[in-house]
Amino acid sequence: MQVSSRQLNSVLEKQIFSVFYQTLSDLRTPEEIKTVLTDLLTETELTALAKRLAIATFLEKGRSYENIRDTLKVSSATIAS
């Protein structure tokens, strides 16, 4: 999915994100989370999101860029972003 280069009205953008965050916070079980995320994201987007979460977890645990890169098959640029 490509994001439009046209900017949203800032009030509307805040409302959209507020609904998004509230929707996620209302989810109670892993199955509910899986259902919502698979409805919203493509398989590729879901994999990218899961890898980003794994990167954050690995960095927090002190794993090296090289180890993360080799384990998750991601670039150093992805780890740094």
PDB file of N, CA and C in Angstrom:
ATOM      1  N   MET A   1       0.837  -1.177   0.000  1.00  0.00           N
ATOM      2  CA  MET A   1       0.000   0.000   0.000  1.00  0.00           C
ATOM      3  C   MET A   1       0.877   1.233   0.000  1.00  0.00           C
ATOM      4  N   GLN A   2       0.546   2.161  -0.852  1.00  0.00           N
ATOM      5  CA  GLN A   2       1.280   3.413  -0.877  1.00  0.00           C
ATOM      6  C   GLN A   2       0.494   4.468  -0.116  1.00  0.00           C
ATOM      7  N   VAL A   3       1.215   5.333   0.553  1.00  0.00           N
ATOM      8  CA  VAL A   3       0.591   6.429   1.277  1.00  0.00           C
ATOM      9  C   VAL A   3       0.596   7.642   0.367  1.00  0.00           C
ATOM     10  N   SER A   4      -0.531   8.314   0.275  1.00  0.00           N
ATOM     11  CA  SER A   4      -0.649   9.499  -0.564  1.00  0.00           C
ATOM     12  C   SER A   4       0.326  10.570  -0.098  1.00  0.00           C
ATOM     13  N   SER A   5       0.881  11.284  -1.048  1.00  0.00           N
ATOM     14  CA  SER A   5       1.791  12.379  -0.702  1.00  0.00           C
ATOM     15  C   SER A   5       1.013  13.614  -0.247  1.00  0.00           C
ATOM     16  N   ARG A   6      -0.301  13.606  -0.443  1.00  0.00           N
ATOM     17  CA  ARG A   6      -1.124  14.741  -0.021  1.00  0.00           C
ATOM     18  C   ARG A   6      -1.366  14.661   1.482  1.00  0.00           C
ATOM     19  N   GLN A   7      -1.124  15.771   2.148  1.00  0.00           N
ATOM     20  CA  GLN A   7      -1.255  15.826   3.605  1.00  0.00           C
ATOM     21  C   GLN A   7      -2.722  15.841   4.021  1.00  0.00           C
ATOM     22  N   LEU A   8      -3.034  15.112   5.084  1.00  0.00           N
ATOM     23  CA  LEU A   8      -4.359  15.182   5.693  1.00  0.00           C
ATOM     24  C   LEU A   8      -4.459  16.446   6.528  1.00  0.00           C
ATOM     25  N   ASN A   9      -5.661  16.934   6.688  1.00  0.00           N
ATOM     26  CA  ASN A   9      -5.931  17.991   7.636  1.00  0.00           C
ATOM     27  C   ASN A   9      -5.464  17.491   9.004  1.00  0.00           C
ATOM     28  N   SER A  10      -4.751  18.307   9.755  1.00  0.00           N
ATOM     29  CA  SER A  10      -4.152  17.843  11.014  1.00  0.00           C
ATOM     30  C   SER A  10      -5.202  17.390  12.032  1.00  0.00           C
ATOM     31  N   VAL A  11      -6.357  18.026  12.050  1.00  0.00           N
ATOM     32  CA  VAL A  11      -7.418  17.611  12.974  1.00  0.00           C
ATOM     33  C   VAL A  11      -7.933  16.231  12.587  1.00  0.00           C
ATOM     34  N   LEU A  12      -8.165  16.021  11.300  1.00  0.00           N
ATOM     35  CA  LEU A  12      -8.633  14.726  10.819  1.00  0.00           C
ATOM     36  C   LEU A  12      -7.588  13.645  11.084  1.00  0.00           C
ATOM     37  N   GLU A  13      -6.317  13.973  10.851  1.00  0.00           N
ATOM     38  CA  GLU A  13      -5.247  13.008  11.104  1.00  0.00           C
ATOM     39  C   GLU A  13      -5.234  12.590  12.574  1.00  0.00           C
ATOM     40  N   LYS A  14      -5.379  13.543  13.483  1.00  0.00           N
ATOM     41  CA  LYS A  14      -5.419  13.221  14.915  1.00  0.00           C
ATOM     42  C   LYS A  14      -6.605  12.323  15.238  1.00  0.00           C
ATOM     43  N   GLN A  15      -7.746  12.595  14.620  1.00  0.00           N
ATOM     44  CA  GLN A  15      -8.934  11.771  14.860  1.00  0.00           C
ATOM     45  C   GLN A  15      -8.727  10.348  14.351  1.00  0.00           C
ATOM     46  N   ILE A  16      -8.151  10.224  13.164  1.00  0.00           N
ATOM     47  CA  ILE A  16      -7.898   8.904  12.580  1.00  0.00           C
ATOM     48  C   ILE A  16      -6.968   8.097  13.478  1.00  0.00           C
ATOM     49  N   PHE A  17      -5.886   8.716  13.929  1.00  0.00           N
ATOM     50  CA  PHE A  17      -4.948   8.006  14.794  1.00  0.00           C
ATOM     51  C   PHE A  17      -5.583   7.677  16.143  1.00  0.00           C
ATOM     52  N   SER A  18      -6.408   8.568  16.652  1.00  0.00           N
ATOM     53  CA  SER A  18      -7.090   8.300  17.914  1.00  0.00           C
ATOM     54  C   SER A  18      -7.982   7.064  17.803  1.00  0.00           C
ATOM     55  N   VAL A  19      -8.736   6.960  16.716  1.00  0.00           N
ATOM     56  CA  VAL A  19      -9.588   5.785  16.496  1.00  0.00           C
ATOM     57  C   VAL A  19      -8.730   4.536  16.345  1.00  0.00           C
ATOM     58  N   PHE A  20      -7.634   4.654  15.606  1.00  0.00           N
ATOM     59  CA  PHE A  20      -6.729   3.520  15.403  1.00  0.00           C
ATOM     60  C   PHE A  20      -6.176   3.022  16.739  1.00  0.00           C
ATOM     61  N   TYR A  21      -5.650   3.942  17.542  1.00  0.00           N
ATOM     62  CA  TYR A  21      -5.074   3.560  18.834  1.00  0.00           C
ATOM     63  C   TYR A  21      -6.136   2.984  19.766  1.00  0.00           C
ATOM     64  N   GLN A  22      -7.323   3.585  19.771  1.00  0.00           N
ATOM     65  CA  GLN A  22      -8.399   3.084  20.625  1.00  0.00           C
ATOM     66  C   GLN A  22      -8.820   1.684  20.195  1.00  0.00           C
ATOM     67  N   THR A  23      -8.897   1.461  18.888  1.00  0.00           N
ATOM     68  CA  THR A  23      -9.256   0.135  18.375  1.00  0.00           C
ATOM     69  C   THR A  23      -8.257  -0.906  18.855  1.00  0.00           C
ATOM     70  N   LEU A  24      -6.966  -0.589  18.745  1.00  0.00           N
ATOM     71  CA  LEU A  24      -5.946  -1.534  19.203  1.00  0.00           C
ATOM     72  C   LEU A  24      -6.020  -1.754  20.707  1.00  0.00           C
ATOM     73  N   SER A  25      -6.268  -0.693  21.453  1.00  0.00           N
ATOM     74  CA  SER A  25      -6.299  -0.850  22.914  1.00  0.00           C
ATOM     75  C   SER A  25      -7.525  -1.627  23.385  1.00  0.00           C
ATOM     76  N   ASP A  26      -8.571  -1.676  22.576  1.00  0.00           N
ATOM     77  CA  ASP A  26      -9.781  -2.428  22.934  1.00  0.00           C
ATOM     78  C   ASP A  26      -9.630  -3.932  22.726  1.00  0.00           C
ATOM     79  N   LEU A  27      -8.611  -4.346  22.014  1.00  0.00           N
ATOM     80  CA  LEU A  27      -8.423  -5.769  21.726  1.00  0.00           C
ATOM     81  C   LEU A  27      -7.965  -6.489  22.990  1.00  0.00           C
ATOM     82  N   ARG A  28      -8.560  -7.637  23.256  1.00  0.00           N
ATOM     83  CA  ARG A  28      -8.313  -8.327  24.520  1.00  0.00           C
ATOM     84  C   ARG A  28      -7.533  -9.629  24.394  1.00  0.00           C
ATOM     85  N   THR A  29      -7.615 -10.281  23.262  1.00  0.00           N
ATOM     86  CA  THR A  29      -6.966 -11.590  23.134  1.00  0.00           C
ATOM     87  C   THR A  29      -6.036 -11.598  21.929  1.00  0.00           C
ATOM     88  N   PRO A  30      -5.051 -12.480  21.945  1.00  0.00           N
ATOM     89  CA  PRO A  30      -4.187 -12.611  20.766  1.00  0.00           C
ATOM     90  C   PRO A  30      -4.989 -12.904  19.496  1.00  0.00           C
ATOM     91  N   GLU A  31      -6.069 -13.655  19.613  1.00  0.00           N
ATOM     92  CA  GLU A  31      -6.888 -13.973  18.435  1.00  0.00           C
ATOM     93  C   GLU A  31      -7.571 -12.721  17.879  1.00  0.00           C
ATOM     94  N   GLU A  32      -8.070 -11.845  18.760  1.00  0.00           N
ATOM     95  CA  GLU A  32      -8.667 -10.583  18.306  1.00  0.00           C
ATOM     96  C   GLU A  32      -7.622  -9.720  17.607  1.00  0.00           C
ATOM     97  N   ILE A  33      -6.435  -9.661  18.186  1.00  0.00           N
ATOM     98  CA  ILE A  33      -5.355  -8.871  17.598  1.00  0.00           C
ATOM     99  C   ILE A  33      -5.001  -9.417  16.223  1.00  0.00           C
ATOM    100  N   LYS A  34      -4.861 -10.730  16.128  1.00  0.00           N
ATOM    101  CA  LYS A  34      -4.539 -11.364  14.844  1.00  0.00           C
ATOM    102  C   LYS A  34      -5.607 -11.047  13.801  1.00  0.00           C
ATOM    103  N   THR A  35      -6.864 -11.143  14.179  1.00  0.00           N
ATOM    104  CA  THR A  35      -7.959 -10.876  13.244  1.00  0.00           C
ATOM    105  C   THR A  35      -7.905  -9.446  12.719  1.00  0.00           C
ATOM    106  N   VAL A  36      -7.741  -8.490  13.617  1.00  0.00           N
ATOM    107  CA  VAL A  36      -7.705  -7.087  13.199  1.00  0.00           C
ATOM    108  C   VAL A  36      -6.487  -6.814  12.322  1.00  0.00           C
ATOM    109  N   LEU A  37      -5.322  -7.281  12.750  1.00  0.00           N
ATOM    110  CA  LEU A  37      -4.113  -7.000  11.977  1.00  0.00           C
ATOM    111  C   LEU A  37      -4.137  -7.665  10.608  1.00  0.00           C
ATOM    112  N   THR A  38      -4.646  -8.883  10.517  1.00  0.00           N
ATOM    113  CA  THR A  38      -4.698  -9.541   9.206  1.00  0.00           C
ATOM    114  C   THR A  38      -5.774  -8.927   8.316  1.00  0.00           C
ATOM    115  N   ASP A  39      -6.788  -8.303   8.916  1.00  0.00           N
ATOM    116  CA  ASP A  39      -7.778  -7.570   8.123  1.00  0.00           C
ATOM    117  C   ASP A  39      -7.201  -6.261   7.584  1.00  0.00           C
ATOM    118  N   LEU A  40      -6.341  -5.617   8.367  1.00  0.00           N
ATOM    119  CA  LEU A  40      -5.808  -4.305   8.003  1.00  0.00           C
ATOM    120  C   LEU A  40      -4.552  -4.354   7.148  1.00  0.00           C
ATOM    121  N   LEU A  41      -3.718  -5.364   7.351  1.00  0.00           N
ATOM    122  CA  LEU A  41      -2.397  -5.393   6.731  1.00  0.00           C
ATOM    123  C   LEU A  41      -2.269  -6.543   5.744  1.00  0.00           C
ATOM    124  N   THR A  42      -1.439  -6.310   4.720  1.00  0.00           N
ATOM    125  CA  THR A  42      -1.094  -7.411   3.829  1.00  0.00           C
ATOM    126  C   THR A  42      -0.129  -8.331   4.567  1.00  0.00           C
ATOM    127  N   GLU A  43       0.098  -9.504   4.022  1.00  0.00           N
ATOM    128  CA  GLU A  43       1.048 -10.431   4.638  1.00  0.00           C
ATOM    129  C   GLU A  43       2.439  -9.803   4.710  1.00  0.00           C
ATOM    130  N   THR A  44       2.828  -9.082   3.672  1.00  0.00           N
ATOM    131  CA  THR A  44       4.134  -8.418   3.644  1.00  0.00           C
ATOM    132  C   THR A  44       4.219  -7.344   4.720  1.00  0.00           C
ATOM    133  N   GLU A  45       3.170  -6.528   4.862  1.00  0.00           N
ATOM    134  CA  GLU A  45       3.154  -5.488   5.887  1.00  0.00           C
ATOM    135  C   GLU A  45       3.191  -6.094   7.288  1.00  0.00           C
ATOM    136  N   LEU A  46       2.470  -7.175   7.480  1.00  0.00           N
ATOM    137  CA  LEU A  46       2.444  -7.846   8.778  1.00  0.00           C
ATOM    138  C   LEU A  46       3.819  -8.412   9.128  1.00  0.00           C
ATOM    139  N   THR A  47       4.489  -9.001   8.138  1.00  0.00           N
ATOM    140  CA  THR A  47       5.841  -9.525   8.352  1.00  0.00           C
ATOM    141  C   THR A  47       6.802  -8.394   8.696  1.00  0.00           C
ATOM    142  N   ALA A  48       6.712  -7.272   7.972  1.00  0.00           N
ATOM    143  CA  ALA A  48       7.585  -6.128   8.245  1.00  0.00           C
ATOM    144  C   ALA A  48       7.351  -5.597   9.655  1.00  0.00           C
ATOM    145  N   LEU A  49       6.102  -5.502  10.060  1.00  0.00           N
ATOM    146  CA  LEU A  49       5.777  -5.025  11.403  1.00  0.00           C
ATOM    147  C   LEU A  49       6.311  -5.977  12.470  1.00  0.00           C
ATOM    148  N   ALA A  50       6.126  -7.274  12.253  1.00  0.00           N
ATOM    149  CA  ALA A  50       6.620  -8.270  13.210  1.00  0.00           C
ATOM    150  C   ALA A  50       8.145  -8.218  13.315  1.00  0.00           C
ATOM    151  N   LYS A  51       8.814  -8.045  12.176  1.00  0.00           N
ATOM    152  CA  LYS A  51      10.279  -7.944  12.204  1.00  0.00           C
ATOM    153  C   LYS A  51      10.724  -6.693  12.951  1.00  0.00           C
ATOM    154  N   ARG A  52      10.026  -5.573  12.766  1.00  0.00           N
ATOM    155  CA  ARG A  52      10.387  -4.343  13.479  1.00  0.00           C
ATOM    156  C   ARG A  52      10.232  -4.521  14.990  1.00  0.00           C
ATOM    157  N   LEU A  53       9.192  -5.210  15.389  1.00  0.00           N
ATOM    158  CA  LEU A  53       9.006  -5.491  16.814  1.00  0.00           C
ATOM    159  C   LEU A  53      10.120  -6.397  17.330  1.00  0.00           C
ATOM    160  N   ALA A  54      10.489  -7.400  16.542  1.00  0.00           N
ATOM    161  CA  ALA A  54      11.589  -8.293  16.934  1.00  0.00           C
ATOM    162  C   ALA A  54      12.900  -7.519  17.028  1.00  0.00           C
ATOM    163  N   ILE A  55      13.130  -6.601  16.089  1.00  0.00           N
ATOM    164  CA  ILE A  55      14.344  -5.776  16.121  1.00  0.00           C
ATOM    165  C   ILE A  55      14.396  -4.985  17.424  1.00  0.00           C
ATOM    166  N   ALA A  56      13.299  -4.337  17.775  1.00  0.00           N
ATOM    167  CA  ALA A  56      13.262  -3.544  19.015  1.00  0.00           C
ATOM    168  C   ALA A  56      13.541  -4.421  20.233  1.00  0.00           C
ATOM    169  N   THR A  57      12.956  -5.607  20.248  1.00  0.00           N
ATOM    170  CA  THR A  57      13.166  -6.541  21.362  1.00  0.00           C
ATOM    171  C   THR A  57      14.625  -6.974  21.434  1.00  0.00           C
ATOM    172  N   PHE A  58      15.191  -7.323  20.286  1.00  0.00           N
ATOM    173  CA  PHE A  58      16.592  -7.763  20.258  1.00  0.00           C
ATOM    174  C   PHE A  58      17.536  -6.640  20.675  1.00  0.00           C
ATOM    175  N   LEU A  59      17.278  -5.419  20.203  1.00  0.00           N
ATOM    176  CA  LEU A  59      18.122  -4.288  20.591  1.00  0.00           C
ATOM    177  C   LEU A  59      18.040  -4.051  22.097  1.00  0.00           C
ATOM    178  N   GLU A  60      16.844  -4.148  22.637  1.00  0.00           N
ATOM    179  CA  GLU A  60      16.664  -3.957  24.076  1.00  0.00           C
ATOM    180  C   GLU A  60      17.435  -5.002  24.880  1.00  0.00           C
ATOM    181  N   LYS A  61      17.574  -6.198  24.311  1.00  0.00           N
ATOM    182  CA  LYS A  61      18.310  -7.273  24.978  1.00  0.00           C
ATOM    183  C   LYS A  61      19.809  -7.199  24.718  1.00  0.00           C
ATOM    184  N   GLY A  62      20.247  -6.182  23.952  1.00  0.00           N
ATOM    185  CA  GLY A  62      21.663  -5.976  23.730  1.00  0.00           C
ATOM    186  C   GLY A  62      22.275  -6.761  22.587  1.00  0.00           C
ATOM    187  N   ARG A  63      21.453  -7.336  21.725  1.00  0.00           N
ATOM    188  CA  ARG A  63      22.001  -8.095  20.598  1.00  0.00           C
ATOM    189  C   ARG A  63      22.624  -7.138  19.589  1.00  0.00           C
ATOM    190  N   SER A  64      23.654  -7.593  18.923  1.00  0.00           N
ATOM    191  CA  SER A  64      24.381  -6.760  17.968  1.00  0.00           C
ATOM    192  C   SER A  64      23.606  -6.618  16.662  1.00  0.00           C
ATOM    193  N   TYR A  65      23.937  -5.554  15.912  1.00  0.00           N
ATOM    194  CA  TYR A  65      23.332  -5.364  14.590  1.00  0.00           C
ATOM    195  C   TYR A  65      23.599  -6.585  13.720  1.00  0.00           C
ATOM    196  N   GLU A  66      24.828  -7.087  13.771  1.00  0.00           N
ATOM    197  CA  GLU A  66      25.189  -8.237  12.938  1.00  0.00           C
ATOM    198  C   GLU A  66      24.315  -9.447  13.273  1.00  0.00           C
ATOM    199  N   ASN A  67      24.132  -9.701  14.555  1.00  0.00           N
ATOM    200  CA  ASN A  67      23.307 -10.835  14.970  1.00  0.00           C
ATOM    201  C   ASN A  67      21.856 -10.653  14.522  1.00  0.00           C
ATOM    202  N   ILE A  68      21.326  -9.451  14.710  1.00  0.00           N
ATOM    203  CA  ILE A  68      19.943  -9.167  14.303  1.00  0.00           C
ATOM    204  C   ILE A  68      19.806  -9.289  12.792  1.00  0.00           C
ATOM    205  N   ARG A  69      20.749  -8.712  12.073  1.00  0.00           N
ATOM    206  CA  ARG A  69      20.737  -8.755  10.601  1.00  0.00           C
ATOM    207  C   ARG A  69      20.720 -10.196  10.105  1.00  0.00           C
ATOM    208  N   ASP A  70      21.578 -11.029  10.676  1.00  0.00           N
ATOM    209  CA  ASP A  70      21.676 -12.426  10.244  1.00  0.00           C
ATOM    210  C   ASP A  70      20.456 -13.249  10.665  1.00  0.00           C
ATOM    211  N   THR A  71      19.953 -13.002  11.853  1.00  0.00           N
ATOM    212  CA  THR A  71      18.814 -13.769  12.366  1.00  0.00           C
ATOM    213  C   THR A  71      17.524 -13.432  11.628  1.00  0.00           C
ATOM    214  N   LEU A  72      17.261 -12.134  11.454  1.00  0.00           N
ATOM    215  CA  LEU A  72      15.987 -11.697  10.878  1.00  0.00           C
ATOM    216  C   LEU A  72      16.047 -11.427   9.374  1.00  0.00           C
ATOM    217  N   LYS A  73      17.250 -11.512   8.810  1.00  0.00           N
ATOM    218  CA  LYS A  73      17.422 -11.249   7.372  1.00  0.00           C
ATOM    219  C   LYS A  73      16.937  -9.843   7.017  1.00  0.00           C
ATOM    220  N   VAL A  74      17.443  -8.859   7.765  1.00  0.00           N
ATOM    221  CA  VAL A  74      17.118  -7.458   7.530  1.00  0.00           C
ATOM    222  C   VAL A  74      18.409  -6.683   7.322  1.00  0.00           C
ATOM    223  N   SER A  75      18.292  -5.481   6.784  1.00  0.00           N
ATOM    224  CA  SER A  75      19.471  -4.654   6.556  1.00  0.00           C
ATOM    225  C   SER A  75      19.800  -3.840   7.807  1.00  0.00           C
ATOM    226  N   SER A  76      21.029  -3.340   7.847  1.00  0.00           N
ATOM    227  CA  SER A  76      21.430  -2.462   8.948  1.00  0.00           C
ATOM    228  C   SER A  76      20.580  -1.199   8.952  1.00  0.00           C
ATOM    229  N   ALA A  77      20.199  -0.721   7.767  1.00  0.00           N
ATOM    230  CA  ALA A  77      19.348   0.471   7.668  1.00  0.00           C
ATOM    231  C   ALA A  77      17.989   0.232   8.322  1.00  0.00           C
ATOM    232  N   THR A  78      17.447  -0.955   8.146  1.00  0.00           N
ATOM    233  CA  THR A  78      16.163  -1.281   8.777  1.00  0.00           C
ATOM    234  C   THR A  78      16.314  -1.308  10.289  1.00  0.00           C
ATOM    235  N   ILE A  79      17.400  -1.861  10.771  1.00  0.00           N
ATOM    236  CA  ILE A  79      17.642  -1.915  12.216  1.00  0.00           C
ATOM    237  C   ILE A  79      17.782  -0.502  12.774  1.00  0.00           C
ATOM    238  N   ALA A  80      18.477   0.364  12.057  1.00  0.00           N
ATOM    239  CA  ALA A  80      18.742   1.720  12.529  1.00  0.00           C
ATOM    240  C   ALA A  80      17.510   2.622  12.495  1.00  0.00           C
ATOM    241  N   SER A  81      16.536   2.276  11.688  1.00  0.00           N
ATOM    242  CA  SER A  81      15.371   3.175  11.540  1.00  0.00           C
ATOM    243  C   SER A  81      14.320   2.972  12.601  1.00  0.00           C
TER     244      SER A  81
END
